[in-house]
Amino acid sequence: MRTVDDAIRAVGADAGLDISPGTLRATTEQRMLREGLPPAIVAARLGQQAPDRESSPPASGGGIRPSRTICFSRWRF
């Protein structure tokens, strides 16, 4: 049985990237914050009750940056 984690890792491997659901979630959180969305809205969109500041690097720098962009329909990672 394949899991969502397996599927995301397989797509990443096909693209030459080492990604996971956590990587995609952290990247999405960083980008929404960098685009100016309020932390409470970002938290709600990610299914959190409050912003998770400890799990994600600061939006102003750091974090994982893929060597190339992967496009999944309207989502960009």
N, C-alpha and C. Protein backbone atom coordinates (compact mmCIF):
# COMPACT_ATOMS: atom_id res chain seq x y z
N MET A 1 0.84 -1.17 0.00
CA MET A 1 0.00 0.00 0.00
C MET A 1 0.89 1.24 0.00
N ARG A 2 0.62 2.17 -0.92
CA ARG A 2 1.37 3.42 -0.98
C ARG A 2 0.69 4.48 -0.13
N THR A 3 1.51 5.28 0.49
CA THR A 3 0.99 6.38 1.30
C THR A 3 1.18 7.68 0.52
N VAL A 4 0.58 8.75 1.02
CA VAL A 4 0.77 10.07 0.42
C VAL A 4 2.26 10.42 0.49
N ASP A 5 2.90 10.10 1.62
CA ASP A 5 4.33 10.35 1.77
C ASP A 5 5.12 9.65 0.66
N ASP A 6 4.81 8.39 0.40
CA ASP A 6 5.49 7.64 -0.66
C ASP A 6 5.29 8.31 -2.02
N ALA A 7 4.06 8.73 -2.30
CA ALA A 7 3.75 9.34 -3.59
C ALA A 7 4.51 10.65 -3.77
N ILE A 8 4.53 11.50 -2.74
CA ILE A 8 5.23 12.78 -2.85
C ILE A 8 6.72 12.57 -3.01
N ARG A 9 7.28 11.64 -2.25
CA ARG A 9 8.71 11.35 -2.37
C ARG A 9 9.05 10.79 -3.76
N ALA A 10 8.15 9.97 -4.33
CA ALA A 10 8.39 9.41 -5.66
C ALA A 10 8.37 10.49 -6.74
N VAL A 11 7.41 11.42 -6.65
CA VAL A 11 7.35 12.53 -7.60
C VAL A 11 8.61 13.37 -7.49
N GLY A 12 9.03 13.63 -6.26
CA GLY A 12 10.26 14.39 -6.05
C GLY A 12 11.46 13.68 -6.62
N ALA A 13 11.56 12.39 -6.38
CA ALA A 13 12.69 11.62 -6.90
C ALA A 13 12.71 11.64 -8.43
N ASP A 14 11.54 11.55 -9.05
CA ASP A 14 11.46 11.62 -10.52
C ASP A 14 11.96 12.96 -11.04
N ALA A 15 11.79 14.01 -10.23
CA ALA A 15 12.23 15.35 -10.62
C ALA A 15 13.66 15.65 -10.14
N GLY A 16 14.27 14.67 -9.48
CA GLY A 16 15.63 14.86 -8.98
C GLY A 16 15.70 15.65 -7.69
N LEU A 17 14.60 15.65 -6.92
CA LEU A 17 14.54 16.40 -5.67
C LEU A 17 14.27 15.47 -4.50
N ASP A 18 14.79 15.83 -3.34
CA ASP A 18 14.51 15.09 -2.12
C ASP A 18 13.46 15.88 -1.36
N ILE A 19 12.19 15.56 -1.55
CA ILE A 19 11.11 16.30 -0.91
C ILE A 19 10.24 15.36 -0.09
N SER A 20 9.48 15.96 0.80
CA SER A 20 8.55 15.21 1.64
C SER A 20 7.33 16.09 1.88
N PRO A 21 6.26 15.53 2.42
CA PRO A 21 5.11 16.36 2.74
C PRO A 21 5.48 17.52 3.68
N GLY A 22 6.37 17.28 4.63
CA GLY A 22 6.79 18.33 5.55
C GLY A 22 7.52 19.46 4.84
N THR A 23 8.35 19.11 3.86
CA THR A 23 9.07 20.12 3.09
C THR A 23 8.08 20.98 2.32
N LEU A 24 7.11 20.35 1.69
CA LEU A 24 6.12 21.10 0.92
C LEU A 24 5.28 21.99 1.83
N ARG A 25 4.91 21.47 2.98
CA ARG A 25 4.11 22.25 3.92
C ARG A 25 4.89 23.47 4.43
N ALA A 26 6.15 23.27 4.81
CA ALA A 26 6.98 24.38 5.31
C ALA A 26 7.21 25.43 4.22
N THR A 27 7.44 24.97 2.99
CA THR A 27 7.65 25.90 1.88
C THR A 27 6.38 26.70 1.62
N THR A 28 5.23 26.03 1.64
CA THR A 28 3.96 26.71 1.43
C THR A 28 3.72 27.74 2.53
N GLU A 29 4.00 27.37 3.77
CA GLU A 29 3.83 28.30 4.89
C GLU A 29 4.72 29.52 4.72
N GLN A 30 5.99 29.30 4.38
CA GLN A 30 6.93 30.41 4.19
C GLN A 30 6.45 31.35 3.09
N ARG A 31 6.01 30.79 1.99
CA ARG A 31 5.59 31.63 0.86
C ARG A 31 4.34 32.44 1.17
N MET A 32 3.38 31.82 1.87
CA MET A 32 2.18 32.57 2.22
C MET A 32 2.52 33.72 3.17
N LEU A 33 3.40 33.48 4.13
CA LEU A 33 3.80 34.53 5.06
C LEU A 33 4.58 35.63 4.32
N ARG A 34 5.46 35.22 3.43
CA ARG A 34 6.26 36.19 2.67
C ARG A 34 5.36 37.05 1.77
N GLU A 35 4.26 36.47 1.28
CA GLU A 35 3.32 37.22 0.44
C GLU A 35 2.44 38.16 1.25
N GLY A 36 2.57 38.11 2.58
CA GLY A 36 1.85 39.05 3.41
C GLY A 36 0.56 38.56 4.04
N LEU A 37 0.25 37.28 3.89
CA LEU A 37 -0.95 36.77 4.54
C LEU A 37 -0.75 36.80 6.06
N PRO A 38 -1.75 37.18 6.80
CA PRO A 38 -1.63 37.20 8.26
C PRO A 38 -1.36 35.79 8.80
N PRO A 39 -0.53 35.68 9.83
CA PRO A 39 -0.22 34.36 10.39
C PRO A 39 -1.44 33.54 10.77
N ALA A 40 -2.49 34.17 11.26
CA ALA A 40 -3.70 33.43 11.63
C ALA A 40 -4.36 32.79 10.40
N ILE A 41 -4.34 33.48 9.25
CA ILE A 41 -4.92 32.93 8.01
C ILE A 41 -4.06 31.77 7.51
N VAL A 42 -2.75 31.96 7.56
CA VAL A 42 -1.83 30.89 7.15
C VAL A 42 -2.06 29.66 8.01
N ALA A 43 -2.15 29.85 9.31
CA ALA A 43 -2.39 28.73 10.22
C ALA A 43 -3.69 28.02 9.88
N ALA A 44 -4.74 28.78 9.63
CA ALA A 44 -6.04 28.18 9.30
C ALA A 44 -5.96 27.38 8.01
N ARG A 45 -5.27 27.91 7.00
CA ARG A 45 -5.15 27.20 5.72
C ARG A 45 -4.35 25.92 5.87
N LEU A 46 -3.45 25.87 6.85
CA LEU A 46 -2.64 24.68 7.08
C LEU A 46 -3.25 23.76 8.12
N GLY A 47 -4.47 24.09 8.57
CA GLY A 47 -5.15 23.25 9.53
C GLY A 47 -4.63 23.38 10.94
N GLN A 48 -3.97 24.49 11.24
CA GLN A 48 -3.45 24.73 12.58
C GLN A 48 -4.36 25.69 13.32
N GLN A 49 -4.32 25.63 14.64
CA GLN A 49 -5.10 26.57 15.44
C GLN A 49 -4.32 27.86 15.64
N ALA A 50 -3.01 27.77 15.62
CA ALA A 50 -2.16 28.95 15.80
C ALA A 50 -0.94 28.79 14.91
N PRO A 51 -0.30 29.88 14.54
CA PRO A 51 0.90 29.78 13.72
C PRO A 51 1.95 28.91 14.39
N ASP A 52 2.60 28.09 13.60
CA ASP A 52 3.63 27.18 14.09
C ASP A 52 4.99 27.78 13.77
N ARG A 53 5.50 28.62 14.65
CA ARG A 53 6.74 29.35 14.41
C ARG A 53 7.98 28.50 14.63
N GLU A 54 7.88 27.43 15.42
CA GLU A 54 9.06 26.66 15.74
C GLU A 54 9.42 25.66 14.65
N SER A 55 8.47 25.19 13.87
CA SER A 55 8.75 24.15 12.90
C SER A 55 9.27 24.69 11.57
N SER A 56 9.03 25.97 11.29
CA SER A 56 9.43 26.53 10.01
C SER A 56 10.52 27.58 10.19
N PRO A 57 11.50 27.59 9.29
CA PRO A 57 12.51 28.65 9.34
C PRO A 57 11.87 30.00 9.05
N PRO A 58 12.54 31.10 9.40
CA PRO A 58 11.98 32.42 9.13
C PRO A 58 11.68 32.62 7.66
N ALA A 59 10.60 33.35 7.36
CA ALA A 59 10.20 33.57 5.98
C ALA A 59 11.18 34.47 5.24
N SER A 60 12.00 35.22 5.96
CA SER A 60 12.92 36.16 5.31
C SER A 60 14.18 35.48 4.78
N GLY A 61 14.40 34.27 5.09
CA GLY A 61 15.60 33.59 4.59
C GLY A 61 15.60 32.16 5.08
N GLY A 62 16.71 31.50 4.94
CA GLY A 62 16.84 30.13 5.41
C GLY A 62 15.85 29.22 4.73
N GLY A 63 15.70 28.06 5.25
CA GLY A 63 14.74 27.11 4.70
C GLY A 63 15.31 26.34 3.53
N ILE A 64 14.54 25.43 3.03
CA ILE A 64 14.95 24.58 1.93
C ILE A 64 14.51 25.22 0.63
N ARG A 65 15.42 25.37 -0.26
CA ARG A 65 15.11 25.94 -1.57
C ARG A 65 15.45 24.88 -2.63
N PRO A 66 14.44 24.35 -3.33
CA PRO A 66 14.73 23.36 -4.35
C PRO A 66 15.55 23.97 -5.48
N SER A 67 16.31 23.11 -6.14
CA SER A 67 17.16 23.58 -7.24
C SER A 67 16.35 23.96 -8.46
N ARG A 68 15.11 23.50 -8.54
CA ARG A 68 14.22 23.90 -9.63
C ARG A 68 12.79 23.86 -9.16
N THR A 69 11.93 24.49 -9.91
CA THR A 69 10.52 24.60 -9.53
C THR A 69 9.74 23.41 -10.05
N ILE A 70 8.87 22.89 -9.22
CA ILE A 70 7.97 21.81 -9.62
C ILE A 70 6.57 22.40 -9.67
N CYS A 71 5.84 22.14 -10.73
CA CYS A 71 4.49 22.67 -10.85
C CYS A 71 3.49 21.52 -10.79
N PHE A 72 2.53 21.61 -9.88
CA PHE A 72 1.43 20.69 -9.80
C PHE A 72 0.18 21.51 -10.03
N SER A 73 -0.33 21.47 -11.22
CA SER A 73 -1.47 22.28 -11.64
C SER A 73 -1.26 23.73 -11.24
N ARG A 74 -2.02 24.27 -10.32
CA ARG A 74 -1.88 25.68 -9.97
C ARG A 74 -0.91 25.91 -8.82
N TRP A 75 -0.45 24.85 -8.18
CA TRP A 75 0.48 24.98 -7.06
C TRP A 75 1.91 24.99 -7.57
N ARG A 76 2.75 25.83 -7.01
CA ARG A 76 4.16 25.87 -7.38
C ARG A 76 4.96 25.60 -6.11
N PHE A 77 5.90 24.66 -6.22
CA PHE A 77 6.75 24.29 -5.08
C PHE A 77 8.19 24.50 -5.47
